[in-house]
Amino acid sequence: MTATLNKKALEHARSLVKQGKVVRDGRDDWSEHAPSADDENRYIDKHGWSDFASWHLGEDADASEETKGRFSFPFGDFAKVHRCAVISLASRAAQFDHDDIAKASKELLELIDEG
């Protein structure tokens, strides 16, 4: 996977945080709070791929358009940013050497923690 930083998604996340649309949950809560595949499908059907992309800090331009495989590093539940998701994606991004995504997620986490 060749994920690069989705700058529009980062701006979307920052905007949500500034609006107070954040869940300040625990570090390990993302596995329970993450949208299910069915939730994702319903969201895509209702809002389209562009909006779905805006909830993912990673995008693989080599993957087919309009597939879930194109998008990675989700940060929320389609309504709010989840602190646990940002922690999780920061760790995964660093682990797989996606430095731009790791850096952006750490900055996003700082913004969340300031609020």
PDB file of N, CA and C in Angstrom:
ATOM      1  N   MET A   1       0.850  -1.184   0.000  1.00  0.00           N
ATOM      2  CA  MET A   1       0.000   0.000   0.000  1.00  0.00           C
ATOM      3  C   MET A   1       0.885   1.232   0.000  1.00  0.00           C
ATOM      4  N   THR A   2       0.589   2.157  -0.882  1.00  0.00           N
ATOM      5  CA  THR A   2       1.324   3.401  -0.988  1.00  0.00           C
ATOM      6  C   THR A   2       0.403   4.543  -0.577  1.00  0.00           C
ATOM      7  N   ALA A   3       0.125   4.621   0.696  1.00  0.00           N
ATOM      8  CA  ALA A   3      -0.793   5.652   1.182  1.00  0.00           C
ATOM      9  C   ALA A   3      -0.066   6.984   1.311  1.00  0.00           C
ATOM     10  N   THR A   4      -0.735   8.014   0.849  1.00  0.00           N
ATOM     11  CA  THR A   4      -0.237   9.369   1.030  1.00  0.00           C
ATOM     12  C   THR A   4      -1.272  10.152   1.824  1.00  0.00           C
ATOM     13  N   LEU A   5      -0.833  11.245   2.391  1.00  0.00           N
ATOM     14  CA  LEU A   5      -1.715  12.062   3.216  1.00  0.00           C
ATOM     15  C   LEU A   5      -2.837  12.657   2.376  1.00  0.00           C
ATOM     16  N   ASN A   6      -4.053  12.440   2.830  1.00  0.00           N
ATOM     17  CA  ASN A   6      -5.245  13.028   2.222  1.00  0.00           C
ATOM     18  C   ASN A   6      -5.450  14.380   2.907  1.00  0.00           C
ATOM     19  N   LYS A   7      -4.974  15.431   2.272  1.00  0.00           N
ATOM     20  CA  LYS A   7      -4.990  16.767   2.882  1.00  0.00           C
ATOM     21  C   LYS A   7      -6.402  17.289   3.113  1.00  0.00           C
ATOM     22  N   LYS A   8      -7.323  16.954   2.232  1.00  0.00           N
ATOM     23  CA  LYS A   8      -8.720  17.379   2.426  1.00  0.00           C
ATOM     24  C   LYS A   8      -9.302  16.721   3.676  1.00  0.00           C
ATOM     25  N   ALA A   9      -8.966  15.463   3.899  1.00  0.00           N
ATOM     26  CA  ALA A   9      -9.450  14.765   5.092  1.00  0.00           C
ATOM     27  C   ALA A   9      -8.846  15.378   6.348  1.00  0.00           C
ATOM     28  N   LEU A  10      -7.578  15.757   6.290  1.00  0.00           N
ATOM     29  CA  LEU A  10      -6.939  16.394   7.438  1.00  0.00           C
ATOM     30  C   LEU A  10      -7.627  17.709   7.771  1.00  0.00           C
ATOM     31  N   GLU A  11      -7.947  18.503   6.761  1.00  0.00           N
ATOM     32  CA  GLU A  11      -8.665  19.755   6.997  1.00  0.00           C
ATOM     33  C   GLU A  11     -10.056  19.485   7.568  1.00  0.00           C
ATOM     34  N   HIS A  12     -10.707  18.450   7.078  1.00  0.00           N
ATOM     35  CA  HIS A  12     -12.025  18.064   7.591  1.00  0.00           C
ATOM     36  C   HIS A  12     -11.915  17.694   9.072  1.00  0.00           C
ATOM     37  N   ALA A  13     -10.912  16.897   9.413  1.00  0.00           N
ATOM     38  CA  ALA A  13     -10.714  16.490  10.809  1.00  0.00           C
ATOM     39  C   ALA A  13     -10.441  17.692  11.696  1.00  0.00           C
ATOM     40  N   ARG A  14      -9.581  18.595  11.252  1.00  0.00           N
ATOM     41  CA  ARG A  14      -9.274  19.803  12.039  1.00  0.00           C
ATOM     42  C   ARG A  14     -10.535  20.630  12.265  1.00  0.00           C
ATOM     43  N   SER A  15     -11.325  20.763  11.221  1.00  0.00           N
ATOM     44  CA  SER A  15     -12.561  21.535  11.325  1.00  0.00           C
ATOM     45  C   SER A  15     -13.514  20.910  12.342  1.00  0.00           C
ATOM     46  N   LEU A  16     -13.648  19.600  12.294  1.00  0.00           N
ATOM     47  CA  LEU A  16     -14.522  18.912  13.260  1.00  0.00           C
ATOM     48  C   LEU A  16     -14.039  19.116  14.684  1.00  0.00           C
ATOM     49  N   VAL A  17     -12.736  19.013  14.895  1.00  0.00           N
ATOM     50  CA  VAL A  17     -12.174  19.199  16.238  1.00  0.00           C
ATOM     51  C   VAL A  17     -12.449  20.623  16.725  1.00  0.00           C
ATOM     52  N   LYS A  18     -12.233  21.599  15.863  1.00  0.00           N
ATOM     53  CA  LYS A  18     -12.464  22.997  16.245  1.00  0.00           C
ATOM     54  C   LYS A  18     -13.930  23.258  16.563  1.00  0.00           C
ATOM     55  N   GLN A  19     -14.834  22.482  15.946  1.00  0.00           N
ATOM     56  CA  GLN A  19     -16.270  22.600  16.228  1.00  0.00           C
ATOM     57  C   GLN A  19     -16.680  21.808  17.468  1.00  0.00           C
ATOM     58  N   GLY A  20     -15.731  21.110  18.068  1.00  0.00           N
ATOM     59  CA  GLY A  20     -16.036  20.305  19.246  1.00  0.00           C
ATOM     60  C   GLY A  20     -16.644  18.953  18.943  1.00  0.00           C
ATOM     61  N   LYS A  21     -16.580  18.538  17.703  1.00  0.00           N
ATOM     62  CA  LYS A  21     -17.147  17.244  17.306  1.00  0.00           C
ATOM     63  C   LYS A  21     -16.090  16.156  17.486  1.00  0.00           C
ATOM     64  N   VAL A  22     -15.831  15.846  18.772  1.00  0.00           N
ATOM     65  CA  VAL A  22     -14.774  14.915  19.157  1.00  0.00           C
ATOM     66  C   VAL A  22     -15.298  13.985  20.236  1.00  0.00           C
ATOM     67  N   VAL A  23     -14.906  12.730  20.150  1.00  0.00           N
ATOM     68  CA  VAL A  23     -15.141  11.771  21.225  1.00  0.00           C
ATOM     69  C   VAL A  23     -13.786  11.541  21.879  1.00  0.00           C
ATOM     70  N   ARG A  24     -13.682  11.927  23.144  1.00  0.00           N
ATOM     71  CA  ARG A  24     -12.415  11.772  23.870  1.00  0.00           C
ATOM     72  C   ARG A  24     -12.430  10.432  24.600  1.00  0.00           C
ATOM     73  N   ASP A  25     -12.283   9.394  23.804  1.00  0.00           N
ATOM     74  CA  ASP A  25     -12.384   8.034  24.320  1.00  0.00           C
ATOM     75  C   ASP A  25     -11.005   7.495  24.653  1.00  0.00           C
ATOM     76  N   GLY A  26     -10.994   6.284  25.214  1.00  0.00           N
ATOM     77  CA  GLY A  26      -9.755   5.660  25.651  1.00  0.00           C
ATOM     78  C   GLY A  26      -8.926   5.131  24.503  1.00  0.00           C
ATOM     79  N   ARG A  27      -7.680   4.928  24.789  1.00  0.00           N
ATOM     80  CA  ARG A  27      -6.681   4.513  23.805  1.00  0.00           C
ATOM     81  C   ARG A  27      -7.107   3.280  23.002  1.00  0.00           C
ATOM     82  N   ASP A  28      -7.690   2.295  23.636  1.00  0.00           N
ATOM     83  CA  ASP A  28      -7.983   1.027  22.975  1.00  0.00           C
ATOM     84  C   ASP A  28      -9.438   0.867  22.551  1.00  0.00           C
ATOM     85  N   ASP A  29     -10.191   1.936  22.502  1.00  0.00           N
ATOM     86  CA  ASP A  29     -11.625   1.859  22.210  1.00  0.00           C
ATOM     87  C   ASP A  29     -11.964   1.776  20.724  1.00  0.00           C
ATOM     88  N   TRP A  30     -11.020   2.023  19.838  1.00  0.00           N
ATOM     89  CA  TRP A  30     -11.340   2.133  18.416  1.00  0.00           C
ATOM     90  C   TRP A  30     -11.907   0.838  17.845  1.00  0.00           C
ATOM     91  N   SER A  31     -11.451  -0.304  18.319  1.00  0.00           N
ATOM     92  CA  SER A  31     -11.962  -1.571  17.785  1.00  0.00           C
ATOM     93  C   SER A  31     -13.462  -1.700  18.028  1.00  0.00           C
ATOM     94  N   GLU A  32     -13.959  -1.079  19.087  1.00  0.00           N
ATOM     95  CA  GLU A  32     -15.396  -1.111  19.383  1.00  0.00           C
ATOM     96  C   GLU A  32     -16.142   0.064  18.751  1.00  0.00           C
ATOM     97  N   HIS A  33     -15.453   1.185  18.552  1.00  0.00           N
ATOM     98  CA  HIS A  33     -16.104   2.393  18.062  1.00  0.00           C
ATOM     99  C   HIS A  33     -16.046   2.552  16.548  1.00  0.00           C
ATOM    100  N   ALA A  34     -15.178   1.827  15.896  1.00  0.00           N
ATOM    101  CA  ALA A  34     -15.017   1.962  14.442  1.00  0.00           C
ATOM    102  C   ALA A  34     -16.292   1.551  13.726  1.00  0.00           C
ATOM    103  N   PRO A  35     -16.643   2.264  12.668  1.00  0.00           N
ATOM    104  CA  PRO A  35     -17.817   1.870  11.882  1.00  0.00           C
ATOM    105  C   PRO A  35     -17.630   0.467  11.297  1.00  0.00           C
ATOM    106  N   SER A  36     -18.706  -0.281  11.255  1.00  0.00           N
ATOM    107  CA  SER A  36     -18.672  -1.613  10.647  1.00  0.00           C
ATOM    108  C   SER A  36     -18.663  -1.468   9.121  1.00  0.00           C
ATOM    109  N   ALA A  37     -18.418  -2.565   8.444  1.00  0.00           N
ATOM    110  CA  ALA A  37     -18.470  -2.558   6.974  1.00  0.00           C
ATOM    111  C   ALA A  37     -19.857  -2.139   6.495  1.00  0.00           C
ATOM    112  N   ASP A  38     -20.896  -2.598   7.175  1.00  0.00           N
ATOM    113  CA  ASP A  38     -22.260  -2.196   6.807  1.00  0.00           C
ATOM    114  C   ASP A  38     -22.474  -0.704   7.016  1.00  0.00           C
ATOM    115  N   ASP A  39     -21.931  -0.161   8.127  1.00  0.00           N
ATOM    116  CA  ASP A  39     -22.025   1.287   8.369  1.00  0.00           C
ATOM    117  C   ASP A  39     -21.337   2.058   7.245  1.00  0.00           C
ATOM    118  N   GLU A  40     -20.168   1.575   6.852  1.00  0.00           N
ATOM    119  CA  GLU A  40     -19.431   2.217   5.757  1.00  0.00           C
ATOM    120  C   GLU A  40     -20.234   2.177   4.463  1.00  0.00           C
ATOM    121  N   ASN A  41     -20.805   1.035   4.158  1.00  0.00           N
ATOM    122  CA  ASN A  41     -21.587   0.901   2.923  1.00  0.00           C
ATOM    123  C   ASN A  41     -22.786   1.835   2.918  1.00  0.00           C
ATOM    124  N   ARG A  42     -23.488   1.913   4.045  1.00  0.00           N
ATOM    125  CA  ARG A  42     -24.637   2.832   4.139  1.00  0.00           C
ATOM    126  C   ARG A  42     -24.188   4.282   3.955  1.00  0.00           C
ATOM    127  N   TYR A  43     -23.050   4.636   4.553  1.00  0.00           N
ATOM    128  CA  TYR A  43     -22.540   5.994   4.426  1.00  0.00           C
ATOM    129  C   TYR A  43     -22.192   6.301   2.971  1.00  0.00           C
ATOM    130  N   ILE A  44     -21.514   5.387   2.321  1.00  0.00           N
ATOM    131  CA  ILE A  44     -21.149   5.582   0.913  1.00  0.00           C
ATOM    132  C   ILE A  44     -22.406   5.722   0.055  1.00  0.00           C
ATOM    133  N   ASP A  45     -23.389   4.866   0.287  1.00  0.00           N
ATOM    134  CA  ASP A  45     -24.634   4.927  -0.490  1.00  0.00           C
ATOM    135  C   ASP A  45     -25.334   6.270  -0.317  1.00  0.00           C
ATOM    136  N   LYS A  46     -25.287   6.803   0.887  1.00  0.00           N
ATOM    137  CA  LYS A  46     -25.993   8.054   1.182  1.00  0.00           C
ATOM    138  C   LYS A  46     -25.197   9.301   0.798  1.00  0.00           C
ATOM    139  N   HIS A  47     -23.869   9.264   1.012  1.00  0.00           N
ATOM    140  CA  HIS A  47     -23.050  10.473   0.867  1.00  0.00           C
ATOM    141  C   HIS A  47     -22.041  10.439  -0.273  1.00  0.00           C
ATOM    142  N   GLY A  48     -21.735   9.256  -0.773  1.00  0.00           N
ATOM    143  CA  GLY A  48     -20.795   9.156  -1.888  1.00  0.00           C
ATOM    144  C   GLY A  48     -19.354   8.943  -1.451  1.00  0.00           C
ATOM    145  N   TRP A  49     -18.528   8.635  -2.443  1.00  0.00           N
ATOM    146  CA  TRP A  49     -17.129   8.300  -2.196  1.00  0.00           C
ATOM    147  C   TRP A  49     -16.313   9.489  -1.728  1.00  0.00           C
ATOM    148  N   SER A  50     -16.591  10.663  -2.214  1.00  0.00           N
ATOM    149  CA  SER A  50     -15.823  11.843  -1.823  1.00  0.00           C
ATOM    150  C   SER A  50     -15.968  12.116  -0.327  1.00  0.00           C
ATOM    151  N   ASP A  51     -17.195  12.036   0.170  1.00  0.00           N
ATOM    152  CA  ASP A  51     -17.403  12.226   1.608  1.00  0.00           C
ATOM    153  C   ASP A  51     -16.778  11.090   2.408  1.00  0.00           C
ATOM    154  N   PHE A  52     -16.871   9.864   1.897  1.00  0.00           N
ATOM    155  CA  PHE A  52     -16.239   8.731   2.570  1.00  0.00           C
ATOM    156  C   PHE A  52     -14.733   8.975   2.677  1.00  0.00           C
ATOM    157  N   ALA A  53     -14.132   9.461   1.608  1.00  0.00           N
ATOM    158  CA  ALA A  53     -12.697   9.745   1.606  1.00  0.00           C
ATOM    159  C   ALA A  53     -12.322  10.790   2.651  1.00  0.00           C
ATOM    160  N   SER A  54     -13.223  11.720   2.916  1.00  0.00           N
ATOM    161  CA  SER A  54     -12.922  12.803   3.849  1.00  0.00           C
ATOM    162  C   SER A  54     -12.794  12.336   5.296  1.00  0.00           C
ATOM    163  N   TRP A  55     -13.060  11.057   5.553  1.00  0.00           N
ATOM    164  CA  TRP A  55     -12.925  10.476   6.895  1.00  0.00           C
ATOM    165  C   TRP A  55     -11.687   9.592   7.015  1.00  0.00           C
ATOM    166  N   HIS A  56     -10.770   9.687   6.037  1.00  0.00           N
ATOM    167  CA  HIS A  56      -9.572   8.844   6.011  1.00  0.00           C
ATOM    168  C   HIS A  56      -8.341   9.692   5.702  1.00  0.00           C
ATOM    169  N   LEU A  57      -7.336   9.621   6.574  1.00  0.00           N
ATOM    170  CA  LEU A  57      -6.128  10.419   6.352  1.00  0.00           C
ATOM    171  C   LEU A  57      -5.224   9.822   5.277  1.00  0.00           C
ATOM    172  N   GLY A  58      -5.446   8.569   4.908  1.00  0.00           N
ATOM    173  CA  GLY A  58      -4.617   7.949   3.884  1.00  0.00           C
ATOM    174  C   GLY A  58      -5.393   7.669   2.617  1.00  0.00           C
ATOM    175  N   GLU A  59      -4.700   7.847   1.492  1.00  0.00           N
ATOM    176  CA  GLU A  59      -5.300   7.522   0.200  1.00  0.00           C
ATOM    177  C   GLU A  59      -4.228   6.905  -0.686  1.00  0.00           C
ATOM    178  N   ASP A  60      -4.575   5.804  -1.323  1.00  0.00           N
ATOM    179  CA  ASP A  60      -3.673   5.107  -2.230  1.00  0.00           C
ATOM    180  C   ASP A  60      -4.137   5.372  -3.657  1.00  0.00           C
ATOM    181  N   ALA A  61      -3.444   6.268  -4.331  1.00  0.00           N
ATOM    182  CA  ALA A  61      -3.829   6.663  -5.689  1.00  0.00           C
ATOM    183  C   ALA A  61      -3.696   5.514  -6.683  1.00  0.00           C
ATOM    184  N   ASP A  62      -2.957   4.477  -6.327  1.00  0.00           N
ATOM    185  CA  ASP A  62      -2.806   3.326  -7.221  1.00  0.00           C
ATOM    186  C   ASP A  62      -3.990   2.366  -7.132  1.00  0.00           C
ATOM    187  N   ALA A  63      -4.781   2.474  -6.072  1.00  0.00           N
ATOM    188  CA  ALA A  63      -5.947   1.605  -5.909  1.00  0.00           C
ATOM    189  C   ALA A  63      -7.104   2.151  -6.746  1.00  0.00           C
ATOM    190  N   SER A  64      -7.992   1.263  -7.118  1.00  0.00           N
ATOM    191  CA  SER A  64      -9.139   1.664  -7.935  1.00  0.00           C
ATOM    192  C   SER A  64      -9.970   2.713  -7.217  1.00  0.00           C
ATOM    193  N   GLU A  65     -10.443   3.671  -8.011  1.00  0.00           N
ATOM    194  CA  GLU A  65     -11.349   4.668  -7.459  1.00  0.00           C
ATOM    195  C   GLU A  65     -12.637   3.978  -7.052  1.00  0.00           C
ATOM    196  N   GLU A  66     -13.311   4.580  -6.100  1.00  0.00           N
ATOM    197  CA  GLU A  66     -14.589   4.076  -5.615  1.00  0.00           C
ATOM    198  C   GLU A  66     -14.488   2.643  -5.101  1.00  0.00           C
ATOM    199  N   THR A  67     -13.404   2.391  -4.371  1.00  0.00           N
ATOM    200  CA  THR A  67     -13.258   1.152  -3.616  1.00  0.00           C
ATOM    201  C   THR A  67     -12.747   1.505  -2.226  1.00  0.00           C
ATOM    202  N   LYS A  68     -13.151   0.737  -1.251  1.00  0.00           N
ATOM    203  CA  LYS A  68     -12.698   0.997   0.114  1.00  0.00           C
ATOM    204  C   LYS A  68     -11.187   0.829   0.246  1.00  0.00           C
ATOM    205  N   GLY A  69     -10.601  -0.012  -0.591  1.00  0.00           N
ATOM    206  CA  GLY A  69      -9.167  -0.244  -0.541  1.00  0.00           C
ATOM    207  C   GLY A  69      -8.336   0.978  -0.878  1.00  0.00           C
ATOM    208  N   ARG A  70      -8.952   1.963  -1.464  1.00  0.00           N
ATOM    209  CA  ARG A  70      -8.237   3.193  -1.803  1.00  0.00           C
ATOM    210  C   ARG A  70      -7.967   4.059  -0.568  1.00  0.00           C
ATOM    211  N   PHE A  71      -8.780   3.888   0.469  1.00  0.00           N
ATOM    212  CA  PHE A  71      -8.737   4.775   1.629  1.00  0.00           C
ATOM    213  C   PHE A  71      -8.299   4.028   2.880  1.00  0.00           C
ATOM    214  N   SER A  72      -7.486   4.685   3.691  1.00  0.00           N
ATOM    215  CA  SER A  72      -6.965   4.070   4.905  1.00  0.00           C
ATOM    216  C   SER A  72      -6.822   5.127   6.002  1.00  0.00           C
ATOM    217  N   PHE A  73      -6.550   4.663   7.174  1.00  0.00           N
ATOM    218  CA  PHE A  73      -6.345   5.507   8.335  1.00  0.00           C
ATOM    219  C   PHE A  73      -7.572   6.357   8.677  1.00  0.00           C
ATOM    220  N   PRO A  74      -8.687   5.678   8.992  1.00  0.00           N
ATOM    221  CA  PRO A  74      -9.902   6.400   9.389  1.00  0.00           C
ATOM    222  C   PRO A  74      -9.725   7.065  10.752  1.00  0.00           C
ATOM    223  N   PHE A  75     -10.393   8.201  10.945  1.00  0.00           N
ATOM    224  CA  PHE A  75     -10.249   8.927  12.206  1.00  0.00           C
ATOM    225  C   PHE A  75     -11.569   9.182  12.919  1.00  0.00           C
ATOM    226  N   GLY A  76     -12.668   8.649  12.412  1.00  0.00           N
ATOM    227  CA  GLY A  76     -13.932   8.915  13.077  1.00  0.00           C
ATOM    228  C   GLY A  76     -15.048   8.009  12.613  1.00  0.00           C
ATOM    229  N   ASP A  77     -16.243   8.323  13.108  1.00  0.00           N
ATOM    230  CA  ASP A  77     -17.423   7.465  12.901  1.00  0.00           C
ATOM    231  C   ASP A  77     -18.444   8.081  11.948  1.00  0.00           C
ATOM    232  N   PHE A  78     -18.012   9.008  11.121  1.00  0.00           N
ATOM    233  CA  PHE A  78     -18.841   9.720  10.150  1.00  0.00           C
ATOM    234  C   PHE A  78     -19.693  10.810  10.798  1.00  0.00           C
ATOM    235  N   ALA A  79     -19.458  11.071  12.076  1.00  0.00           N
ATOM    236  CA  ALA A  79     -20.116  12.175  12.775  1.00  0.00           C
ATOM    237  C   ALA A  79     -19.106  12.957  13.612  1.00  0.00           C
ATOM    238  N   LYS A  80     -18.192  12.224  14.247  1.00  0.00           N
ATOM    239  CA  LYS A  80     -17.211  12.849  15.139  1.00  0.00           C
ATOM    240  C   LYS A  80     -15.848  12.195  14.964  1.00  0.00           C
ATOM    241  N   VAL A  81     -14.816  12.974  15.298  1.00  0.00           N
ATOM    242  CA  VAL A  81     -13.455  12.460  15.361  1.00  0.00           C
ATOM    243  C   VAL A  81     -13.329  11.690  16.674  1.00  0.00           C
ATOM    244  N   HIS A  82     -12.712  10.530  16.612  1.00  0.00           N
ATOM    245  CA  HIS A  82     -12.475   9.748  17.827  1.00  0.00           C
ATOM    246  C   HIS A  82     -10.995   9.815  18.175  1.00  0.00           C
ATOM    247  N   ARG A  83     -10.716  10.228  19.402  1.00  0.00           N
ATOM    248  CA  ARG A  83      -9.333  10.302  19.863  1.00  0.00           C
ATOM    249  C   ARG A  83      -8.646   8.948  19.718  1.00  0.00           C
ATOM    250  N   CYS A  84      -9.352   7.876  20.053  1.00  0.00           N
ATOM    251  CA  CYS A  84      -8.758   6.539  19.973  1.00  0.00           C
ATOM    252  C   CYS A  84      -8.391   6.180  18.536  1.00  0.00           C
ATOM    253  N   ALA A  85      -9.159   6.640  17.570  1.00  0.00           N
ATOM    254  CA  ALA A  85      -8.850   6.368  16.166  1.00  0.00           C
ATOM    255  C   ALA A  85      -7.574   7.090  15.748  1.00  0.00           C
ATOM    256  N   VAL A  86      -7.431   8.318  16.205  1.00  0.00           N
ATOM    257  CA  VAL A  86      -6.242   9.106  15.861  1.00  0.00           C
ATOM    258  C   VAL A  86      -4.998   8.465  16.480  1.00  0.00           C
ATOM    259  N   ILE A  87      -5.103   7.991  17.722  1.00  0.00           N
ATOM    260  CA  ILE A  87      -3.979   7.306  18.364  1.00  0.00           C
ATOM    261  C   ILE A  87      -3.623   6.052  17.568  1.00  0.00           C
ATOM    262  N   SER A  88      -4.633   5.284  17.202  1.00  0.00           N
ATOM    263  CA  SER A  88      -4.418   4.048  16.462  1.00  0.00           C
ATOM    264  C   SER A  88      -3.769   4.316  15.108  1.00  0.00           C
ATOM    265  N   LEU A  89      -4.272   5.290  14.390  1.00  0.00           N
ATOM    266  CA  LEU A  89      -3.717   5.541  13.059  1.00  0.00           C
ATOM    267  C   LEU A  89      -2.324   6.136  13.135  1.00  0.00           C
ATOM    268  N   ALA A  90      -2.040   6.908  14.167  1.00  0.00           N
ATOM    269  CA  ALA A  90      -0.682   7.446  14.333  1.00  0.00           C
ATOM    270  C   ALA A  90       0.319   6.304  14.504  1.00  0.00           C
ATOM    271  N   SER A  91      -0.052   5.339  15.306  1.00  0.00           N
ATOM    272  CA  SER A  91       0.815   4.189  15.551  1.00  0.00           C
ATOM    273  C   SER A  91       1.016   3.364  14.277  1.00  0.00           C
ATOM    274  N   ARG A  92      -0.072   3.065  13.575  1.00  0.00           N
ATOM    275  CA  ARG A  92       0.020   2.275  12.346  1.00  0.00           C
ATOM    276  C   ARG A  92       0.788   3.009  11.259  1.00  0.00           C
ATOM    277  N   ALA A  93       0.561   4.308  11.147  1.00  0.00           N
ATOM    278  CA  ALA A  93       1.271   5.087  10.123  1.00  0.00           C
ATOM    279  C   ALA A  93       2.777   5.078  10.384  1.00  0.00           C
ATOM    280  N   ALA A  94       3.162   5.248  11.638  1.00  0.00           N
ATOM    281  CA  ALA A  94       4.583   5.224  11.979  1.00  0.00           C
ATOM    282  C   ALA A  94       5.173   3.835  11.737  1.00  0.00           C
ATOM    283  N   GLN A  95       4.419   2.804  12.095  1.00  0.00           N
ATOM    284  CA  GLN A  95       4.882   1.431  11.935  1.00  0.00           C
ATOM    285  C   GLN A  95       5.180   1.102  10.477  1.00  0.00           C
ATOM    286  N   PHE A  96       4.392   1.645   9.557  1.00  0.00           N
ATOM    287  CA  PHE A  96       4.553   1.336   8.138  1.00  0.00           C
ATOM    288  C   PHE A  96       5.221   2.469   7.356  1.00  0.00           C
ATOM    289  N   ASP A  97       5.906   3.362   8.073  1.00  0.00           N
ATOM    290  CA  ASP A  97       6.705   4.431   7.468  1.00  0.00           C
ATOM    291  C   ASP A  97       5.911   5.399   6.592  1.00  0.00           C
ATOM    292  N   HIS A  98       4.684   5.668   6.996  1.00  0.00           N
ATOM    293  CA  HIS A  98       3.892   6.716   6.337  1.00  0.00           C
ATOM    294  C   HIS A  98       4.091   7.993   7.160  1.00  0.00           C
ATOM    295  N   ASP A  99       5.277   8.579   6.990  1.00  0.00           N
ATOM    296  CA  ASP A  99       5.701   9.665   7.865  1.00  0.00           C
ATOM    297  C   ASP A  99       4.788  10.879   7.822  1.00  0.00           C
ATOM    298  N   ASP A 100       4.288  11.224   6.628  1.00  0.00           N
ATOM    299  CA  ASP A 100       3.418  12.399   6.525  1.00  0.00           C
ATOM    300  C   ASP A 100       2.100  12.173   7.262  1.00  0.00           C
ATOM    301  N   ILE A 101       1.584  10.970   7.211  1.00  0.00           N
ATOM    302  CA  ILE A 101       0.328  10.650   7.911  1.00  0.00           C
ATOM    303  C   ILE A 101       0.571  10.589   9.411  1.00  0.00           C
ATOM    304  N   ALA A 102       1.690  10.004   9.824  1.00  0.00           N
ATOM    305  CA  ALA A 102       2.025   9.928  11.250  1.00  0.00           C
ATOM    306  C   ALA A 102       2.175  11.330  11.833  1.00  0.00           C
ATOM    307  N   LYS A 103       2.866  12.199  11.127  1.00  0.00           N
ATOM    308  CA  LYS A 103       3.069  13.571  11.600  1.00  0.00           C
ATOM    309  C   LYS A 103       1.730  14.313  11.701  1.00  0.00           C
ATOM    310  N   ALA A 104       0.909  14.184  10.677  1.00  0.00           N
ATOM    311  CA  ALA A 104      -0.396  14.859  10.679  1.00  0.00           C
ATOM    312  C   ALA A 104      -1.275  14.344  11.814  1.00  0.00           C
ATOM    313  N   SER A 105      -1.239  13.045  12.070  1.00  0.00           N
ATOM    314  CA  SER A 105      -2.073  12.485  13.126  1.00  0.00           C
ATOM    315  C   SER A 105      -1.609  12.947  14.499  1.00  0.00           C
ATOM    316  N   LYS A 106      -0.314  13.080  14.692  1.00  0.00           N
ATOM    317  CA  LYS A 106       0.194  13.581  15.974  1.00  0.00           C
ATOM    318  C   LYS A 106      -0.227  15.031  16.187  1.00  0.00           C
ATOM    319  N   GLU A 107      -0.191  15.834  15.140  1.00  0.00           N
ATOM    320  CA  GLU A 107      -0.655  17.217  15.242  1.00  0.00           C
ATOM    321  C   GLU A 107      -2.151  17.270  15.526  1.00  0.00           C
ATOM    322  N   LEU A 108      -2.900  16.369  14.914  1.00  0.00           N
ATOM    323  CA  LEU A 108      -4.337  16.302  15.157  1.00  0.00           C
ATOM    324  C   LEU A 108      -4.620  15.897  16.602  1.00  0.00           C
ATOM    325  N   LEU A 109      -3.854  14.959  17.122  1.00  0.00           N
ATOM    326  CA  LEU A 109      -4.012  14.532  18.509  1.00  0.00           C
ATOM    327  C   LEU A 109      -3.730  15.689  19.471  1.00  0.00           C
ATOM    328  N   GLU A 110      -2.709  16.481  19.172  1.00  0.00           N
ATOM    329  CA  GLU A 110      -2.404  17.656  19.989  1.00  0.00           C
ATOM    330  C   GLU A 110      -3.573  18.633  19.971  1.00  0.00           C
ATOM    331  N   LEU A 111      -4.170  18.836  18.816  1.00  0.00           N
ATOM    332  CA  LEU A 111      -5.324  19.733  18.698  1.00  0.00           C
ATOM    333  C   LEU A 111      -6.495  19.211  19.529  1.00  0.00           C
ATOM    334  N   ILE A 112      -6.712  17.908  19.487  1.00  0.00           N
ATOM    335  CA  ILE A 112      -7.781  17.295  20.292  1.00  0.00           C
ATOM    336  C   ILE A 112      -7.521  17.513  21.778  1.00  0.00           C
ATOM    337  N   ASP A 113      -6.283  17.277  22.193  1.00  0.00           N
ATOM    338  CA  ASP A 113      -5.947  17.364  23.616  1.00  0.00           C
ATOM    339  C   ASP A 113      -5.936  18.794  24.140  1.00  0.00           C
ATOM    340  N   GLU A 114      -5.796  19.773  23.250  1.00  0.00           N
ATOM    341  CA  GLU A 114      -5.865  21.180  23.664  1.00  0.00           C
ATOM    342  C   GLU A 114      -7.275  21.580  24.039  1.00  0.00           C
ATOM    343  N   GLY A 115      -8.260  20.940  23.414  1.00  0.00           N
ATOM    344  CA  GLY A 115      -9.662  21.324  23.579  1.00  0.00           C
ATOM    345  C   GLY A 115     -10.288  20.927  24.873  1.00  0.00           C
TER     346      GLY A 115
END
